[in-house]
Structure formats: C-alpha cells, structure tokens
N, C-alpha and C. Protein backbone atom coordinates (compact mmCIF):
# COMPACT_ATOMS: atom_id res chain seq x y z
N UNK A 1 4.32 9.32 -3.59
CA UNK A 1 3.06 8.39 -4.25
C UNK A 1 3.87 7.32 -4.59
N UNK A 2 3.16 6.42 -4.91
CA UNK A 2 2.90 5.08 -5.96
C UNK A 2 2.07 5.68 -7.29
N UNK A 3 2.40 6.55 -8.87
CA UNK A 3 0.85 6.11 -9.85
C UNK A 3 0.90 5.10 -10.55
N UNK A 4 1.53 4.51 -10.68
CA UNK A 4 1.14 3.43 -11.50
C UNK A 4 1.47 1.59 -11.12
N UNK A 5 1.15 2.40 -10.24
CA UNK A 5 1.16 0.59 -9.17
C UNK A 5 -0.39 1.13 -10.61
N UNK A 6 -0.57 -0.90 -10.50
CA UNK A 6 -2.22 -1.26 -10.96
C UNK A 6 -2.61 -1.15 -9.93
N UNK A 7 -2.74 -1.50 -8.33
CA UNK A 7 -4.08 -1.07 -7.70
C UNK A 7 -4.69 0.61 -8.24
N UNK A 8 -3.42 1.68 -8.03
CA UNK A 8 -3.63 2.67 -8.04
C UNK A 8 -4.30 3.11 -9.21
N UNK A 9 -3.63 2.73 -10.70
CA UNK A 9 -4.12 2.80 -11.95
C UNK A 9 -5.79 1.78 -11.60
N UNK A 10 -6.63 0.78 -10.90
CA UNK A 10 -7.71 0.09 -10.99
C UNK A 10 -8.77 0.93 -10.11
N UNK A 11 -7.70 1.90 -9.27
CA UNK A 11 -8.73 2.81 -8.61
C UNK A 11 -8.91 4.24 -8.97
N UNK A 12 -8.23 4.20 -9.83
CA UNK A 12 -8.36 5.44 -10.91
C UNK A 12 -9.90 5.59 -12.08
N UNK A 13 -9.22 3.92 -11.90
CA UNK A 13 -10.98 3.45 -13.10
C UNK A 13 -11.78 3.20 -12.18
N UNK A 14 -12.42 3.30 -11.25
CA UNK A 14 -13.37 3.04 -10.27
C UNK A 14 -13.69 4.51 -10.09
N UNK A 15 -12.95 5.17 -9.77
CA UNK A 15 -13.45 6.41 -9.31
C UNK A 15 -13.33 7.33 -10.99
N UNK A 16 -12.58 6.61 -12.22
CA UNK A 16 -13.62 7.54 -13.30
C UNK A 16 -15.02 6.96 -14.18
N UNK A 17 -14.90 5.49 -13.76
CA UNK A 17 -16.13 4.38 -14.52
C UNK A 17 -16.88 5.40 -14.97
N UNK A 18 -17.54 5.66 -14.38
CA UNK A 18 -19.03 6.88 -14.70
C UNK A 18 -18.69 7.83 -15.61
N UNK A 19 -17.18 8.81 -15.82
CA UNK A 19 -17.45 9.22 -17.50
C UNK A 19 -17.09 8.74 -18.59
N UNK A 20 -16.15 7.14 -17.75
CA UNK A 20 -15.82 6.80 -18.66
C UNK A 20 -16.33 5.44 -19.46
N UNK A 21 -17.68 4.84 -19.05
CA UNK A 21 -19.04 4.96 -19.04
C UNK A 21 -19.35 5.47 -19.84
N UNK A 22 -19.71 6.70 -20.12
CA UNK A 22 -20.37 8.06 -20.77
C UNK A 22 -19.96 7.94 -22.31
N UNK A 23 -18.91 8.07 -22.73
CA UNK A 23 -17.49 8.34 -23.09
C UNK A 23 -17.59 7.17 -24.48
N UNK A 24 -17.53 6.25 -23.58
CA UNK A 24 -17.78 4.67 -24.48
C UNK A 24 -18.44 3.96 -25.10
N UNK A 25 -19.47 4.13 -23.78
CA UNK A 25 -20.89 2.98 -24.84
C UNK A 25 -22.14 4.55 -24.66
N UNK A 26 -22.10 5.15 -24.20
CA UNK A 26 -23.33 6.52 -24.04
C UNK A 26 -23.48 7.14 -25.42
N UNK A 27 -21.91 7.77 -24.63
CA UNK A 27 -22.01 8.51 -26.37
C UNK A 27 -22.24 9.60 -25.95
N UNK A 28 -22.69 10.32 -24.65
CA UNK A 28 -23.05 11.82 -24.72
C UNK A 28 -21.75 12.15 -24.06
N UNK A 29 -20.86 12.34 -23.42
CA UNK A 29 -19.80 12.13 -22.87
C UNK A 29 -18.08 12.38 -23.57
N UNK A 30 -17.34 13.81 -24.45
CA UNK A 30 -16.55 13.29 -24.99
C UNK A 30 -15.39 12.61 -24.71
N UNK A 31 -14.77 11.75 -25.41
CA UNK A 31 -14.22 10.88 -25.07
C UNK A 31 -12.35 11.19 -24.45
N UNK A 32 -12.05 12.75 -24.72
CA UNK A 32 -10.91 13.71 -24.31
C UNK A 32 -11.43 14.23 -23.09
N UNK A 33 -12.56 14.31 -22.26
CA UNK A 33 -13.49 14.64 -21.51
C UNK A 33 -12.95 13.20 -20.05
N UNK A 34 -13.13 12.59 -20.86
CA UNK A 34 -13.70 11.06 -19.87
C UNK A 34 -11.81 10.80 -20.28
N UNK A 35 -10.62 11.27 -21.22
CA UNK A 35 -9.59 10.86 -20.29
C UNK A 35 -9.20 11.79 -19.13
N UNK A 36 -9.71 12.89 -19.36
CA UNK A 36 -9.13 14.01 -18.47
C UNK A 36 -9.88 13.74 -17.00
N UNK A 37 -11.08 13.43 -16.48
CA UNK A 37 -10.87 12.49 -15.55
C UNK A 37 -10.03 11.82 -14.90
N UNK A 38 -10.20 11.24 -15.66
CA UNK A 38 -8.99 9.72 -15.36
C UNK A 38 -8.27 10.56 -14.78
N UNK A 39 -7.48 10.80 -15.87
CA UNK A 39 -6.25 11.24 -14.87
C UNK A 39 -5.78 12.88 -14.12
N UNK A 40 -7.18 13.00 -13.50
CA UNK A 40 -7.30 13.98 -12.84
C UNK A 40 -7.29 12.58 -11.65
N UNK A 41 -7.85 11.39 -11.41
CA UNK A 41 -8.46 10.55 -10.54
C UNK A 41 -7.09 9.52 -10.40
N UNK A 42 -5.68 10.16 -11.52
CA UNK A 42 -4.91 9.04 -10.39
C UNK A 42 -3.26 9.69 -9.79
N UNK A 43 -4.32 10.79 -9.76
CA UNK A 43 -2.96 11.21 -8.49
C UNK A 43 -3.45 11.82 -7.00
N UNK A 44 -5.57 11.14 -6.93
CA UNK A 44 -5.91 10.89 -6.14
C UNK A 44 -6.13 10.04 -5.13
N UNK A 45 -6.19 9.14 -6.67
CA UNK A 45 -6.55 7.61 -6.41
C UNK A 45 -4.45 7.12 -5.61
N UNK A 46 -3.39 7.67 -5.94
CA UNK A 46 -2.29 7.81 -5.77
C UNK A 46 -2.66 7.64 -3.66
N UNK A 47 -2.65 9.57 -3.55
CA UNK A 47 -2.45 9.97 -2.54
C UNK A 47 -3.86 8.70 -1.87
N UNK A 48 -4.81 8.18 -1.88
CA UNK A 48 -5.97 7.83 -1.03
C UNK A 48 -4.99 6.12 -1.02
N UNK A 49 -4.30 5.90 -1.88
CA UNK A 49 -3.81 4.49 -1.68
C UNK A 49 -2.33 4.68 -0.69
N UNK A 50 -1.92 5.16 -0.87
CA UNK A 50 -0.77 5.95 -0.25
C UNK A 50 -1.02 6.30 0.99
N UNK A 51 -2.11 6.85 1.34
CA UNK A 51 -2.50 7.13 3.06
C UNK A 51 -3.28 5.11 3.83
N UNK A 52 -4.03 4.58 2.70
CA UNK A 52 -3.80 3.12 2.65
C UNK A 52 -2.41 2.11 3.72
N UNK A 53 -1.42 2.69 2.82
CA UNK A 53 -0.36 1.87 3.15
C UNK A 53 0.32 2.06 4.20
N UNK A 54 -0.16 2.89 4.72
CA UNK A 54 0.46 4.65 5.50
C UNK A 54 -0.34 4.43 6.97
N UNK A 55 -1.38 3.93 7.26
CA UNK A 55 -3.01 3.18 7.90
C UNK A 55 -2.51 2.03 8.34
N UNK A 56 -1.81 1.17 6.80
CA UNK A 56 -1.77 -0.62 8.04
C UNK A 56 -0.78 -1.03 8.35
N UNK A 57 0.86 -0.01 8.31
CA UNK A 57 1.94 -0.29 7.58
C UNK A 57 2.27 -1.45 9.02
N UNK A 58 1.35 -0.86 10.05
CA UNK A 58 1.82 -0.96 10.82
C UNK A 58 1.41 -2.52 11.50
N UNK A 59 0.35 -2.88 10.19
CA UNK A 59 0.17 -4.52 10.61
C UNK A 59 1.12 -5.46 9.22
N UNK A 60 2.03 -5.25 9.42
CA UNK A 60 2.51 -5.98 8.00
C UNK A 60 3.72 -6.57 8.88
N UNK A 61 3.44 -7.95 9.01
CA UNK A 61 4.61 -8.70 10.44
C UNK A 61 6.46 -7.91 9.00
N UNK A 62 7.88 -7.80 10.35
CA UNK A 62 8.35 -7.71 10.54
C UNK A 62 9.57 -8.37 9.60
N UNK A 63 9.98 -8.08 8.41
CA UNK A 63 10.75 -9.88 7.73
C UNK A 63 11.27 -9.51 7.85
N UNK A 64 12.40 -8.75 8.47
CA UNK A 64 13.94 -9.08 9.40
C UNK A 64 13.91 -9.42 10.63
N UNK A 65 15.00 -10.80 11.28
CA UNK A 65 15.40 -11.05 12.27
C UNK A 65 15.54 -10.28 13.60
N UNK A 66 15.35 -10.38 14.36
CA UNK A 66 15.54 -9.08 16.00
C UNK A 66 17.58 -9.40 16.00
N UNK A 67 17.48 -8.08 15.89
CA UNK A 67 19.66 -8.17 15.87
C UNK A 67 19.99 -9.30 16.60
N UNK A 68 19.94 -9.70 17.64
CA UNK A 68 20.56 -10.99 18.61
C UNK A 68 20.16 -12.28 18.53
N UNK A 69 19.16 -12.32 16.48
CA UNK A 69 19.43 -13.67 16.65
C UNK A 69 18.35 -14.34 16.68
N UNK A 70 17.88 -14.54 17.55
CA UNK A 70 16.88 -14.87 17.88
C UNK A 70 15.13 -14.86 17.47
N UNK A 71 14.50 -15.18 18.13
CA UNK A 71 12.92 -15.15 17.42
C UNK A 71 12.26 -13.77 17.77
N UNK A 72 11.56 -13.45 17.62
CA UNK A 72 11.56 -12.09 17.72
C UNK A 72 10.35 -11.40 19.78
N UNK A 73 10.04 -12.70 19.50
CA UNK A 73 8.83 -12.20 21.11
C UNK A 73 10.40 -13.35 22.00
N UNK A 74 11.07 -15.13 21.95
CA UNK A 74 11.27 -15.69 23.08
C UNK A 74 12.49 -14.76 23.42
N UNK A 75 12.62 -14.86 24.77
CA UNK A 75 13.05 -14.96 25.91
C UNK A 75 14.31 -16.40 26.00
N UNK A 76 15.46 -14.93 26.02
CA UNK A 76 16.97 -15.61 26.43
C UNK A 76 17.58 -15.94 27.45
N UNK A 77 18.06 -17.73 27.55
CA UNK A 77 18.45 -17.78 29.13
C UNK A 77 19.51 -17.59 29.59
N UNK A 78 19.88 -17.29 30.92
CA UNK A 78 20.18 -16.68 31.30
C UNK A 78 21.63 -16.99 31.16
N UNK A 79 22.72 -16.81 30.67
CA UNK A 79 24.31 -17.17 30.48
C UNK A 79 24.51 -17.52 31.98
N UNK A 80 25.24 -18.65 32.04
CA UNK A 80 25.56 -19.44 33.45
C UNK A 80 27.06 -18.59 33.42
N UNK A 81 27.75 -18.00 34.45
CA UNK A 81 29.16 -18.20 34.27
C UNK A 81 29.38 -19.83 34.87
N UNK A 82 31.29 -19.31 34.91
CA UNK A 82 32.21 -21.17 34.98
C UNK A 82 32.84 -20.48 36.37
N UNK A 83 32.66 -19.19 37.10
CA UNK A 83 33.30 -18.78 37.98
C UNK A 83 33.22 -19.80 39.15
N UNK A 84 34.03 -20.23 39.95
CA UNK A 84 33.46 -21.27 41.25
C UNK A 84 33.38 -19.94 42.02
N UNK A 85 32.67 -20.74 43.13
CA UNK A 85 32.13 -19.31 44.09
C UNK A 85 33.22 -20.06 45.20
N UNK A 86 34.09 -20.85 45.73
CA UNK A 86 34.52 -20.89 46.59
C UNK A 86 36.02 -21.00 46.61
C-alpha cells in the first residue's frame, strides 16, 4: 500500500473530514479523537486506492516498445529470401 501518497492522504482527509470539522470548527469533538479517526482512515484509503489502481492498471498504456522493435499494432512485412529458384 502507498500510505504517504498525496492522493491517499487526501482521500483519508475526506473520509475523516466530518470529525476534523467538528474538532477544529465546531469544537464538540476532541482533537485527539479526530486525529485518531484520521489515522484510521489512512490505511483504509490506502487500501481503497490500491484496489482502484489494480482495477485500472490494464487501461494504462504500455511504455515499453515491443521486443521486435516495431510498433505495437503494426504487422511486419514478409521477408524475401535471395534464393534462386532455377
């Protein structure tokens, strides 16, 4: 899991945003309780983001060229041999 990626921390902040709001703005939840909820949300969001990356991995373009050196979808021309038939 990628726990310190900005996207993972952003999703964790969105998950824990009601607790953070009530701790920082409203004041009816203690800050330690809100931070504990955020710390619980970090591995949960990391797991969610890794599942999302796994589901969308097949849609990424292949950055390596094919081993024959040609393009990915191009067909190779048949090779003509120099053997005389007669």
